[in-house]
């Protein structure tokens, strides 16, 4: 049996909220119950980050893409150093 794919166009979601991804997760659940698969189209980085932060990347079948901060290498530990005397005199 062939799985029907349902495409959700996310291009108009400029400022996603927790409520946004809650509704997406509910749509995915309903789609799965009907034997379908929900696919997100044109999801912006903010939406992908919020989905990842909420722990729903696996549920919504997306991979949150994180970029290293400018000028820093990913997965690198920064050096620790002691602060000077902070006492106010």
N, C-alpha and C. Protein backbone atom coordinates (compact mmCIF):
# COMPACT_ATOMS: atom_id res chain seq x y z
N UNK A 1 0.84 -1.19 0.00
CA UNK A 1 0.00 0.00 0.00
C UNK A 1 0.88 1.24 0.00
N UNK A 2 0.52 2.23 -0.77
CA UNK A 2 1.29 3.47 -0.92
C UNK A 2 0.91 4.47 0.17
N UNK A 3 1.92 5.15 0.74
CA UNK A 3 1.68 6.17 1.76
C UNK A 3 1.39 7.50 1.08
N UNK A 4 0.30 8.12 1.48
CA UNK A 4 -0.07 9.42 0.94
C UNK A 4 0.71 10.50 1.71
N UNK A 5 1.32 11.42 0.97
CA UNK A 5 2.06 12.51 1.60
C UNK A 5 1.21 13.78 1.57
N UNK A 6 1.14 14.41 2.72
CA UNK A 6 0.44 15.68 2.85
C UNK A 6 1.50 16.76 3.05
N UNK A 7 1.49 17.80 2.22
CA UNK A 7 2.49 18.85 2.31
C UNK A 7 1.89 20.07 3.02
N UNK A 8 2.58 20.51 4.06
CA UNK A 8 2.18 21.70 4.80
C UNK A 8 3.14 22.82 4.43
N UNK A 9 2.66 23.83 3.73
CA UNK A 9 3.49 24.96 3.31
C UNK A 9 3.69 25.90 4.50
N UNK A 10 4.92 25.97 4.98
CA UNK A 10 5.25 26.78 6.16
C UNK A 10 5.88 28.12 5.79
N UNK A 11 5.88 28.46 4.52
CA UNK A 11 6.52 29.68 4.04
C UNK A 11 5.97 30.95 4.63
N UNK A 12 4.70 30.96 5.02
CA UNK A 12 4.09 32.17 5.55
C UNK A 12 4.23 32.30 7.07
N UNK A 13 4.88 31.33 7.71
CA UNK A 13 5.05 31.38 9.17
C UNK A 13 6.32 32.15 9.48
N UNK A 14 6.17 33.46 9.72
CA UNK A 14 7.33 34.33 9.95
C UNK A 14 7.84 34.21 11.38
N UNK A 15 6.94 34.18 12.35
CA UNK A 15 7.32 34.12 13.76
C UNK A 15 6.61 32.95 14.42
N UNK A 16 7.20 31.74 14.34
CA UNK A 16 6.56 30.57 14.92
C UNK A 16 6.53 30.63 16.44
N UNK A 17 5.51 30.02 17.01
CA UNK A 17 5.36 29.95 18.47
C UNK A 17 5.23 28.48 18.87
N UNK A 18 5.20 28.24 20.15
CA UNK A 18 5.00 26.90 20.67
C UNK A 18 3.63 26.37 20.22
N UNK A 19 2.66 27.25 20.14
CA UNK A 19 1.33 26.86 19.66
C UNK A 19 1.39 26.40 18.21
N UNK A 20 2.24 27.03 17.42
CA UNK A 20 2.40 26.65 16.01
C UNK A 20 2.88 25.21 15.89
N UNK A 21 3.94 24.88 16.63
CA UNK A 21 4.47 23.52 16.52
C UNK A 21 3.57 22.50 17.20
N UNK A 22 2.80 22.93 18.19
CA UNK A 22 1.81 22.04 18.81
C UNK A 22 0.78 21.62 17.76
N UNK A 23 0.30 22.58 16.99
CA UNK A 23 -0.68 22.27 15.94
C UNK A 23 -0.07 21.38 14.86
N UNK A 24 1.19 21.61 14.53
CA UNK A 24 1.86 20.78 13.54
C UNK A 24 2.00 19.34 14.03
N UNK A 25 2.34 19.18 15.30
CA UNK A 25 2.47 17.84 15.88
C UNK A 25 1.11 17.13 15.88
N UNK A 26 0.04 17.86 16.16
CA UNK A 26 -1.30 17.27 16.13
C UNK A 26 -1.69 16.85 14.71
N UNK A 27 -1.32 17.69 13.72
CA UNK A 27 -1.59 17.34 12.32
C UNK A 27 -0.82 16.08 11.92
N UNK A 28 0.42 15.98 12.37
CA UNK A 28 1.23 14.81 12.07
C UNK A 28 0.60 13.55 12.68
N UNK A 29 0.14 13.67 13.90
CA UNK A 29 -0.50 12.54 14.57
C UNK A 29 -1.76 12.10 13.82
N UNK A 30 -2.60 13.06 13.45
CA UNK A 30 -3.82 12.74 12.69
C UNK A 30 -3.48 12.11 11.34
N UNK A 31 -2.45 12.64 10.68
CA UNK A 31 -2.04 12.10 9.39
C UNK A 31 -1.58 10.65 9.53
N UNK A 32 -0.79 10.37 10.55
CA UNK A 32 -0.31 9.01 10.77
C UNK A 32 -1.46 8.06 11.07
N UNK A 33 -2.43 8.53 11.82
CA UNK A 33 -3.59 7.68 12.14
C UNK A 33 -4.36 7.30 10.88
N UNK A 34 -4.29 8.17 9.86
CA UNK A 34 -4.98 7.91 8.58
C UNK A 34 -4.07 7.22 7.57
N UNK A 35 -2.86 6.88 7.99
CA UNK A 35 -1.93 6.21 7.10
C UNK A 35 -1.19 7.16 6.17
N UNK A 36 -1.16 8.43 6.52
CA UNK A 36 -0.50 9.44 5.69
C UNK A 36 0.77 9.94 6.38
N UNK A 37 1.52 10.74 5.65
CA UNK A 37 2.74 11.34 6.20
C UNK A 37 2.70 12.83 5.93
N UNK A 38 2.96 13.64 6.96
CA UNK A 38 2.98 15.09 6.85
C UNK A 38 4.40 15.54 6.53
N UNK A 39 4.54 16.37 5.50
CA UNK A 39 5.83 16.94 5.14
C UNK A 39 5.76 18.45 5.25
N UNK A 40 6.79 19.05 5.83
CA UNK A 40 6.85 20.50 5.95
C UNK A 40 7.60 21.08 4.77
N UNK A 41 7.04 22.11 4.16
CA UNK A 41 7.66 22.76 2.99
C UNK A 41 8.00 24.20 3.35
N UNK A 42 9.17 24.65 2.94
CA UNK A 42 9.64 26.03 3.14
C UNK A 42 9.67 26.44 4.61
N UNK A 43 10.09 25.54 5.47
CA UNK A 43 10.22 25.86 6.90
C UNK A 43 11.46 26.72 7.10
N UNK A 44 11.28 27.89 7.74
CA UNK A 44 12.42 28.78 7.95
C UNK A 44 13.26 28.30 9.13
N UNK A 45 14.49 28.80 9.26
CA UNK A 45 15.39 28.36 10.34
C UNK A 45 14.81 28.57 11.74
N UNK A 46 14.04 29.64 11.95
CA UNK A 46 13.44 29.87 13.28
C UNK A 46 12.46 28.75 13.63
N UNK A 47 11.67 28.33 12.66
CA UNK A 47 10.72 27.25 12.89
C UNK A 47 11.46 25.95 13.16
N UNK A 48 12.48 25.65 12.38
CA UNK A 48 13.25 24.43 12.58
C UNK A 48 13.94 24.41 13.94
N UNK A 49 14.48 25.56 14.36
CA UNK A 49 15.11 25.64 15.67
C UNK A 49 14.10 25.43 16.80
N UNK A 50 12.91 26.01 16.66
CA UNK A 50 11.89 25.86 17.69
C UNK A 50 11.40 24.42 17.77
N UNK A 51 11.25 23.76 16.63
CA UNK A 51 10.86 22.35 16.61
C UNK A 51 11.92 21.51 17.31
N UNK A 52 13.19 21.78 17.02
CA UNK A 52 14.28 21.07 17.68
C UNK A 52 14.33 21.34 19.17
N UNK A 53 14.13 22.60 19.56
CA UNK A 53 14.16 22.97 20.99
C UNK A 53 13.05 22.26 21.75
N UNK A 54 11.89 22.09 21.10
CA UNK A 54 10.75 21.42 21.75
C UNK A 54 10.91 19.90 21.74
N UNK A 55 11.93 19.40 21.06
CA UNK A 55 12.15 17.97 21.02
C UNK A 55 11.22 17.24 20.06
N UNK A 56 10.71 17.95 19.07
CA UNK A 56 9.75 17.36 18.13
C UNK A 56 10.34 17.12 16.74
N UNK A 57 11.66 17.17 16.60
CA UNK A 57 12.29 16.94 15.30
C UNK A 57 11.97 15.55 14.78
N UNK A 58 12.00 14.56 15.64
CA UNK A 58 11.70 13.19 15.24
C UNK A 58 10.24 13.00 14.88
N UNK A 59 9.36 13.65 15.62
CA UNK A 59 7.92 13.54 15.38
C UNK A 59 7.54 14.20 14.07
N UNK A 60 8.11 15.39 13.83
CA UNK A 60 7.77 16.14 12.62
C UNK A 60 8.72 15.84 11.45
N UNK A 61 9.61 14.88 11.66
CA UNK A 61 10.53 14.41 10.60
C UNK A 61 11.33 15.55 9.99
N UNK A 62 11.87 16.41 10.82
CA UNK A 62 12.75 17.47 10.34
C UNK A 62 14.05 17.43 11.11
N UNK A 63 15.04 18.03 10.54
CA UNK A 63 16.33 18.11 11.20
C UNK A 63 16.63 19.57 11.43
N UNK A 64 16.71 19.97 12.68
CA UNK A 64 17.01 21.37 12.99
C UNK A 64 18.45 21.65 12.58
N UNK A 65 18.65 22.71 11.83
CA UNK A 65 19.99 23.05 11.36
C UNK A 65 20.53 24.18 12.22
N UNK A 66 21.62 23.91 12.89
CA UNK A 66 22.26 24.94 13.71
C UNK A 66 23.58 25.30 13.05
N UNK A 67 23.85 26.59 13.02
CA UNK A 67 25.11 27.05 12.45
C UNK A 67 26.00 27.54 13.59
N UNK A 68 27.29 27.37 13.39
CA UNK A 68 28.24 27.87 14.38
C UNK A 68 28.19 29.39 14.39
N UNK A 69 28.46 29.96 15.57
CA UNK A 69 28.50 31.41 15.65
C UNK A 69 29.61 31.91 14.74
N UNK A 70 29.43 33.10 14.24
CA UNK A 70 30.40 33.64 13.31
C UNK A 70 31.76 33.74 13.97
N UNK A 71 32.76 33.21 13.30
CA UNK A 71 34.12 33.28 13.81
C UNK A 71 34.48 32.16 14.78
N UNK A 72 33.57 31.26 15.04
CA UNK A 72 33.84 30.16 15.96
C UNK A 72 33.67 28.84 15.23
N UNK A 73 34.47 27.87 15.60
CA UNK A 73 34.35 26.56 15.00
C UNK A 73 33.33 25.75 15.79
N UNK A 74 32.51 24.95 15.11
CA UNK A 74 31.54 24.14 15.83
C UNK A 74 32.22 23.08 16.69
N UNK A 75 31.59 22.71 17.79
CA UNK A 75 32.05 21.65 18.69
C UNK A 75 33.43 21.94 19.28
N UNK A 76 33.73 23.18 19.50
CA UNK A 76 35.01 23.53 20.09
C UNK A 76 34.77 24.13 21.47
N UNK A 77 35.55 23.68 22.42
CA UNK A 77 35.43 24.18 23.79
C UNK A 77 36.25 25.46 23.90
N UNK A 78 35.62 26.48 24.47
CA UNK A 78 36.35 27.73 24.64
C UNK A 78 37.20 27.66 25.91
N UNK A 79 38.29 28.39 25.88
CA UNK A 79 39.19 28.39 27.03
C UNK A 79 38.54 29.06 28.22
N UNK A 80 38.88 28.54 29.40
CA UNK A 80 38.38 29.13 30.63
C UNK A 80 39.47 30.03 31.18
N UNK A 81 39.10 31.15 31.73
CA UNK A 81 40.09 32.03 32.34
C UNK A 81 39.47 32.69 33.56
N UNK A 82 40.33 33.14 34.44
CA UNK A 82 39.85 33.77 35.67
C UNK A 82 39.63 35.25 35.43
N UNK A 83 38.60 35.75 36.08
CA UNK A 83 38.32 37.18 36.01
C UNK A 83 39.24 37.91 36.97
N UNK A 84 39.51 39.14 36.67
CA UNK A 84 40.33 39.95 37.57
C UNK A 84 39.57 40.22 38.87
N UNK A 85 40.15 41.00 39.75
CA UNK A 85 39.52 41.34 41.03
C UNK A 85 38.27 42.16 40.77
N UNK A 86 37.11 41.64 41.19
CA UNK A 86 35.85 42.31 40.96
C UNK A 86 35.33 43.06 42.19
N UNK A 87 36.14 43.10 43.24
CA UNK A 87 35.68 43.78 44.45
C UNK A 87 35.60 45.29 44.23
N UNK A 88 34.59 45.87 44.80
CA UNK A 88 34.39 47.31 44.66
C UNK A 88 34.94 47.95 45.93
N UNK A 89 35.78 48.92 45.78
CA UNK A 89 36.44 49.47 46.95
C UNK A 89 36.21 50.86 47.20
